[in-house]
Protein backbone atom coordinates (compact mmCIF):
# COMPACT_ATOMS: atom_id res chain seq x y z
CA UNK A 1 -132.48 -162.33 -8.49
CA UNK A 2 -129.89 -165.07 -7.99
CA UNK A 3 -130.38 -167.27 -4.95
CA UNK A 4 -127.70 -166.96 -2.25
CA UNK A 5 -125.23 -169.77 -1.63
CA UNK A 6 -126.75 -170.67 1.71
CA UNK A 7 -129.80 -172.09 -0.08
CA UNK A 8 -129.02 -175.65 -1.34
CA UNK A 9 -130.10 -176.49 -4.88
CA UNK A 10 -131.82 -179.83 -5.11
CA UNK A 11 -135.04 -181.15 -6.59
CA UNK A 12 -137.61 -181.72 -3.85
CA UNK A 13 -141.35 -181.38 -3.73
CA UNK A 14 -142.55 -177.80 -3.01
CA UNK A 15 -144.91 -177.14 -0.08
CA UNK A 16 -148.62 -177.57 -0.82
CA UNK A 17 -149.28 -174.56 1.43
CA UNK A 18 -147.17 -171.81 2.94
CA UNK A 19 -147.92 -172.93 6.52
CA UNK A 20 -146.49 -176.44 6.43
CA UNK A 21 -142.86 -176.84 7.46
CA UNK A 22 -140.17 -179.45 7.93
CA UNK A 23 -136.46 -180.00 7.97
CA UNK A 24 -134.46 -180.90 4.84
CA UNK A 25 -132.05 -183.74 5.42
CA UNK A 26 -128.97 -184.76 3.50
CA UNK A 27 -128.97 -181.83 1.08
CA UNK A 28 -126.53 -182.51 -1.80
CA UNK A 29 -123.36 -180.40 -1.95
CA UNK A 30 -123.34 -177.29 -4.10
CA UNK A 31 -120.88 -176.94 -6.92
CA UNK A 32 -118.78 -174.42 -4.95
CA UNK A 33 -117.27 -174.44 -1.49
CA UNK A 34 -119.98 -172.21 -0.10
CA UNK A 35 -122.57 -174.79 -1.10
CA UNK A 36 -120.63 -177.51 0.69
CA UNK A 37 -120.59 -175.40 3.82
CA UNK A 38 -124.34 -174.89 3.62
CA UNK A 39 -124.88 -178.63 3.29
CA UNK A 40 -122.84 -179.31 6.43
CA UNK A 41 -124.33 -176.54 8.53
CA UNK A 42 -128.07 -176.88 7.87
CA UNK A 43 -130.79 -179.29 6.86
CA UNK A 44 -133.92 -178.10 5.03
CA UNK A 45 -136.81 -180.22 3.84
CA UNK A 46 -139.65 -178.67 1.87
CA UNK A 47 -142.35 -177.80 2.63
CA UNK A 48 -141.01 -175.14 5.02
CA UNK A 49 -140.90 -171.39 5.64
CA UNK A 50 -137.87 -169.33 6.47
CA UNK A 51 -138.99 -168.57 10.02
CA UNK A 52 -138.79 -172.26 10.92
CA UNK A 53 -135.27 -172.82 9.59
CA UNK A 54 -133.48 -169.53 10.09
CA UNK A 55 -132.29 -170.61 13.54
CA UNK A 56 -130.19 -173.28 11.85
CA UNK A 57 -128.90 -170.73 9.33
CA UNK A 58 -128.29 -167.59 11.35
CA UNK A 59 -124.73 -168.61 12.35
CA UNK A 60 -123.71 -169.25 8.73
CA UNK A 61 -121.73 -166.26 7.41
CA UNK A 62 -123.39 -166.59 4.05
CA UNK A 63 -126.78 -166.11 5.69
CA UNK A 64 -125.55 -163.02 7.49
CA UNK A 65 -124.16 -161.58 4.26
CA UNK A 66 -127.67 -161.26 2.79
CA UNK A 67 -129.80 -158.31 3.73
CA UNK A 68 -132.65 -159.06 6.09
CA UNK A 69 -135.34 -157.99 3.64
CA UNK A 70 -133.88 -160.19 0.86
CA UNK A 71 -133.61 -163.42 2.80
CA UNK A 72 -137.29 -164.49 2.53
CA UNK A 73 -137.41 -163.39 -1.11
CA UNK A 74 -134.46 -165.65 -1.88
CA UNK A 75 -136.04 -168.46 0.12
CA UNK A 76 -139.37 -168.23 -1.75
CA UNK A 77 -137.54 -168.15 -5.07
CA UNK A 78 -135.70 -171.26 -3.98
CA UNK A 79 -138.99 -173.03 -3.27
CA UNK A 80 -140.32 -171.95 -6.67
CA UNK A 81 -137.25 -173.42 -8.33
CA UNK A 82 -137.82 -176.67 -6.46
CA UNK A 83 -141.44 -176.75 -7.62
CA UNK A 84 -140.47 -176.02 -11.21
CA UNK A 85 -137.79 -178.71 -11.11
CA UNK A 86 -140.26 -181.19 -9.69
CA UNK A 87 -142.78 -180.36 -12.42
CA UNK A 88 -140.13 -180.83 -15.08
CA UNK A 89 -139.13 -184.15 -13.55
CA UNK A 90 -142.74 -185.30 -13.58
CA UNK A 91 -143.17 -184.22 -17.19
CA UNK A 92 -139.97 -185.98 -18.18
CA UNK A 93 -141.05 -189.13 -16.37
CA UNK A 94 -144.49 -188.99 -17.99
CA UNK A 95 -142.88 -188.47 -21.39
CA UNK A 96 -140.63 -191.47 -20.83
CA UNK A 97 -143.61 -193.58 -19.78
CA UNK A 98 -145.56 -192.52 -22.85
CA UNK A 99 -142.55 -193.19 -25.07
CA UNK A 100 -142.08 -196.60 -23.51
CA UNK A 101 -145.79 -197.33 -23.88
CA UNK A 102 -145.62 -196.36 -27.56
CA UNK A 103 -142.63 -198.67 -28.06
CA UNK A 104 -144.43 -201.51 -26.32
CA UNK A 105 -147.56 -200.92 -28.42
CA UNK A 106 -145.48 -200.84 -31.60
CA UNK A 107 -143.68 -204.02 -30.64
CA UNK A 108 -146.98 -205.70 -29.77
CA UNK A 109 -148.46 -204.57 -33.08
CA UNK A 110 -145.52 -206.06 -34.97
CA UNK A 111 -145.84 -209.27 -32.98
CA UNK A 112 -149.56 -209.54 -33.76
CA UNK A 113 -148.89 -208.85 -37.42
CA UNK A 114 -146.15 -211.46 -37.50
CA UNK A 115 -148.34 -213.99 -35.70
CA UNK A 116 -151.21 -213.22 -38.07
CA UNK A 117 -149.00 -213.82 -41.10
CA UNK A 118 -147.63 -217.01 -39.60
CA UNK A 119 -151.15 -218.26 -38.87
CA UNK A 120 -152.23 -217.39 -42.40
CA UNK A 121 -149.25 -219.23 -43.88
CA UNK A 122 -149.90 -222.22 -41.65
CA UNK A 123 -153.55 -222.21 -42.71
CA UNK A 124 -152.48 -222.26 -46.35
CA UNK A 125 -150.05 -225.11 -45.68
CA UNK A 126 -152.76 -227.11 -43.89
CA UNK A 127 -155.16 -226.55 -46.79
CA UNK A 128 -152.56 -227.66 -49.33
CA UNK A 129 -151.73 -230.79 -47.34
CA UNK A 130 -155.42 -231.65 -47.01
CA UNK A 131 -156.07 -231.18 -50.73
CA UNK A 132 -153.13 -233.45 -51.49
CA UNK A 133 -154.40 -236.04 -49.01
CA UNK A 134 -157.89 -235.92 -50.57
CA UNK A 135 -156.47 -236.38 -54.07
CA UNK A 136 -154.34 -239.33 -52.90
CA UNK A 137 -157.27 -241.05 -51.20
CA UNK A 138 -159.50 -240.53 -54.23
CA UNK A 139 -156.82 -242.18 -56.36
CA UNK A 140 -156.81 -245.11 -53.92
CA UNK A 141 -160.59 -245.44 -54.28
CA UNK A 142 -160.33 -245.48 -58.06
CA UNK A 143 -157.73 -248.23 -57.83
CA UNK A 144 -159.51 -250.44 -55.31
CA UNK A 145 -163.27 -249.72 -55.26
CA UNK A 146 -165.17 -250.43 -58.47
CA UNK A 147 -168.40 -251.89 -57.10
CA UNK A 148 -171.28 -249.36 -56.86
CA UNK A 149 -172.74 -251.48 -54.06
CA UNK A 150 -169.57 -251.51 -51.94
CA UNK A 151 -170.13 -250.84 -48.22
CA UNK A 152 -167.92 -248.73 -46.01
CA UNK A 153 -167.62 -251.29 -43.21
CA UNK A 154 -166.41 -253.99 -45.61
CA UNK A 155 -164.11 -251.72 -47.60
CA UNK A 156 -162.42 -249.88 -44.73
CA UNK A 157 -160.12 -252.74 -43.56
CA UNK A 158 -158.94 -253.25 -47.12
CA UNK A 159 -158.26 -249.54 -47.62
CA UNK A 160 -156.30 -249.36 -44.36
CA UNK A 161 -153.81 -251.90 -45.74
CA UNK A 162 -152.71 -249.50 -48.46
CA UNK A 163 -148.85 -249.58 -48.37
CA UNK A 164 -148.73 -245.84 -49.11
CA UNK A 165 -150.90 -245.06 -46.08
CA UNK A 166 -153.35 -243.00 -48.08
CA UNK A 167 -156.30 -244.07 -45.95
CA UNK A 168 -154.52 -243.30 -42.65
CA UNK A 169 -153.17 -239.89 -43.68
CA UNK A 170 -153.23 -237.63 -40.57
CA UNK A 171 -154.32 -234.69 -42.71
CA UNK A 172 -157.70 -236.40 -43.22
CA UNK A 173 -160.32 -236.80 -40.52
CA UNK A 174 -162.11 -240.17 -40.29
CA UNK A 175 -165.34 -238.40 -41.22
CA UNK A 176 -163.66 -236.99 -44.34
CA UNK A 177 -162.48 -240.44 -45.37
CA UNK A 178 -165.92 -242.01 -45.06
CA UNK A 179 -167.54 -239.08 -46.86
CA UNK A 180 -165.09 -239.39 -49.77
CA UNK A 181 -165.78 -243.12 -49.95
CA UNK A 182 -169.54 -242.62 -50.12
CA UNK A 183 -169.16 -239.92 -52.76
CA UNK A 184 -167.02 -242.29 -54.83
CA UNK A 185 -169.58 -245.11 -54.56
CA UNK A 186 -172.38 -242.72 -55.52
CA UNK A 187 -170.39 -241.65 -58.57
CA UNK A 188 -169.98 -245.30 -59.55
CA UNK A 189 -173.70 -245.87 -59.11
CA UNK A 190 -174.58 -242.83 -61.22
CA UNK A 191 -172.26 -244.04 -63.97
CA UNK A 192 -173.86 -247.49 -63.95
CA UNK A 193 -177.32 -245.95 -64.03
CA UNK A 194 -176.48 -243.83 -67.06
CA UNK A 195 -174.91 -246.82 -68.83
CA UNK A 196 -177.99 -248.98 -68.15
CA UNK A 197 -180.29 -246.23 -69.43
CA UNK A 198 -178.24 -246.15 -72.63
CA UNK A 199 -178.70 -249.91 -72.90
CA UNK A 200 -182.48 -249.59 -72.52
CA UNK A 201 -182.62 -246.86 -75.15
CA UNK A 202 -180.58 -248.95 -77.58
CA UNK A 203 -182.42 -252.26 -77.14
CA UNK A 204 -186.02 -251.42 -76.27
CA UNK A 205 -186.94 -249.42 -79.33
CA UNK A 206 -190.30 -248.99 -81.05
CA UNK A 207 -189.80 -252.00 -83.32
CA UNK A 208 -188.97 -254.28 -80.39
CA UNK A 209 -191.87 -252.90 -78.37
CA UNK A 210 -194.27 -253.72 -81.20
CA UNK A 211 -193.35 -257.39 -81.20
CA UNK A 212 -195.35 -259.70 -78.96
CA UNK A 213 -194.52 -263.10 -77.61
CA UNK A 214 -196.75 -266.12 -77.97
CA UNK A 215 -198.52 -265.23 -74.74
CA UNK A 216 -199.03 -261.63 -75.90
CA UNK A 217 -196.28 -259.97 -73.86
CA UNK A 218 -193.92 -257.21 -75.05
CA UNK A 219 -190.64 -255.73 -73.81
CA UNK A 220 -192.64 -252.83 -72.38
CA UNK A 221 -195.04 -254.78 -70.16
CA UNK A 222 -192.98 -257.87 -69.27
CA UNK A 223 -189.68 -257.67 -67.40
CA UNK A 224 -188.79 -261.28 -68.18
CA UNK A 225 -189.30 -260.58 -71.89
CA UNK A 226 -187.19 -257.43 -71.76
CA UNK A 227 -184.52 -259.16 -69.70
CA UNK A 228 -183.89 -261.75 -72.43
CA UNK A 229 -182.93 -258.94 -74.80
CA UNK A 230 -180.88 -256.97 -72.26
CA UNK A 231 -178.95 -259.71 -70.49
CA UNK A 232 -176.43 -260.56 -73.25
CA UNK A 233 -175.05 -256.99 -73.15
CA UNK A 234 -172.20 -256.53 -70.58
CA UNK A 235 -173.76 -253.25 -69.48
CA UNK A 236 -176.63 -255.26 -67.99
CA UNK A 237 -174.45 -256.84 -65.29
CA UNK A 238 -172.88 -253.54 -64.26
CA UNK A 239 -176.19 -252.35 -62.87
CA UNK A 240 -177.12 -253.61 -59.36
CA UNK A 241 -179.64 -256.44 -59.63
CA UNK A 242 -182.33 -254.87 -57.44
CA UNK A 243 -182.44 -251.68 -59.52
CA UNK A 244 -182.56 -253.10 -63.03
CA UNK A 245 -186.29 -253.77 -63.12
CA UNK A 246 -187.10 -250.40 -61.55
CA UNK A 247 -185.18 -248.51 -64.25
CA UNK A 248 -186.71 -250.68 -66.98
CA UNK A 249 -190.21 -249.99 -65.67
CA UNK A 250 -189.63 -246.23 -65.63
CA UNK A 251 -188.25 -246.35 -69.14
CA UNK A 252 -191.20 -248.42 -70.38
CA UNK A 253 -193.74 -246.06 -68.80
CA UNK A 254 -192.06 -243.09 -70.43
CA UNK A 255 -192.01 -244.82 -73.81
CA UNK A 256 -195.71 -245.74 -73.59
CA UNK A 257 -196.56 -242.17 -72.65
CA UNK A 258 -194.77 -240.90 -75.73
CA UNK A 259 -196.51 -243.47 -77.95
CA UNK A 260 -199.93 -242.41 -76.65
CA UNK A 261 -199.24 -238.75 -77.22
CA UNK A 262 -197.89 -239.31 -80.73
CA UNK A 263 -201.28 -240.29 -82.41
CA UNK A 264 -202.95 -237.30 -80.80
CA UNK A 265 -200.33 -235.01 -82.27
CA UNK A 266 -200.80 -236.60 -85.70
CA UNK A 267 -204.58 -236.16 -85.43
CA UNK A 268 -204.14 -232.51 -84.47
CA UNK A 269 -201.91 -231.91 -87.47
CA UNK A 270 -204.41 -233.68 -89.79
CA UNK A 271 -207.35 -231.66 -88.43
CA UNK A 272 -205.43 -228.43 -88.84
CA UNK A 273 -204.55 -229.20 -92.44
CA UNK A 274 -208.19 -230.09 -93.22
CA UNK A 275 -209.45 -226.82 -91.73
CA UNK A 276 -206.96 -224.79 -93.73
CA UNK A 277 -208.08 -226.57 -96.92
CA UNK A 278 -211.75 -225.76 -96.19
CA UNK A 279 -210.94 -222.12 -95.61
CA UNK A 280 -209.06 -221.89 -98.89
CA UNK A 281 -212.03 -223.38 -100.77
CA UNK A 282 -214.41 -220.89 -99.17
CA UNK A 283 -212.30 -217.97 -100.34
């Protein structure tokens, strides 16, 4: 049933119960002239019931044109329409909020992804710069530090004067610089140690070890005797002074151990051959 013209059509909240009432103020004009008349002649505010507002409507000709038994039916339908309109408005508003929330979440997700990629790229750039700085500083060490006994405190001022600024590169921490220096010095020391061991192996051989001096010393039990043979070789001076004798002693002990084990091995081989010969004779 179509609502009569004396009922204004606007979206307001429906009554929570059928017993609460009020007065509607400033109802918007209807699309026709009858609606405009209703807006000017009455004010209705939901929640309400017809009994509470019909005094303000009874003089309106449009109200009188509706049968008595239909008036409350129309009024209740009008309230239902208001409630339905309000529900639709709430659903629309909720949908808009959800849509806006989804857009915000999508935008935030893109922002996080973009930030993550930027951070990853920056991390790669930092790593590349650091690797380049490390390589440059290592080249500086090769150019300037050749002593396996060099100290960091003495070498640092000299390294800082590098015109290319390789020691003061901001992509290297001070701890990194000192660590690289110590690694370089250790590498130099290891190289000198290997070179000195090669010298010992080339000079202190079995023939030299068998020769004795006038006082009965050999290159295996006398450092001064061994030193006279080693010193002319340039590899001798490359090894730090305080470590030369220690390496010589270790080498001599190893050589003596091998010499002692060699006769035992020969005796074992001789005994084995003799036993095999006896067994063959018995057969």
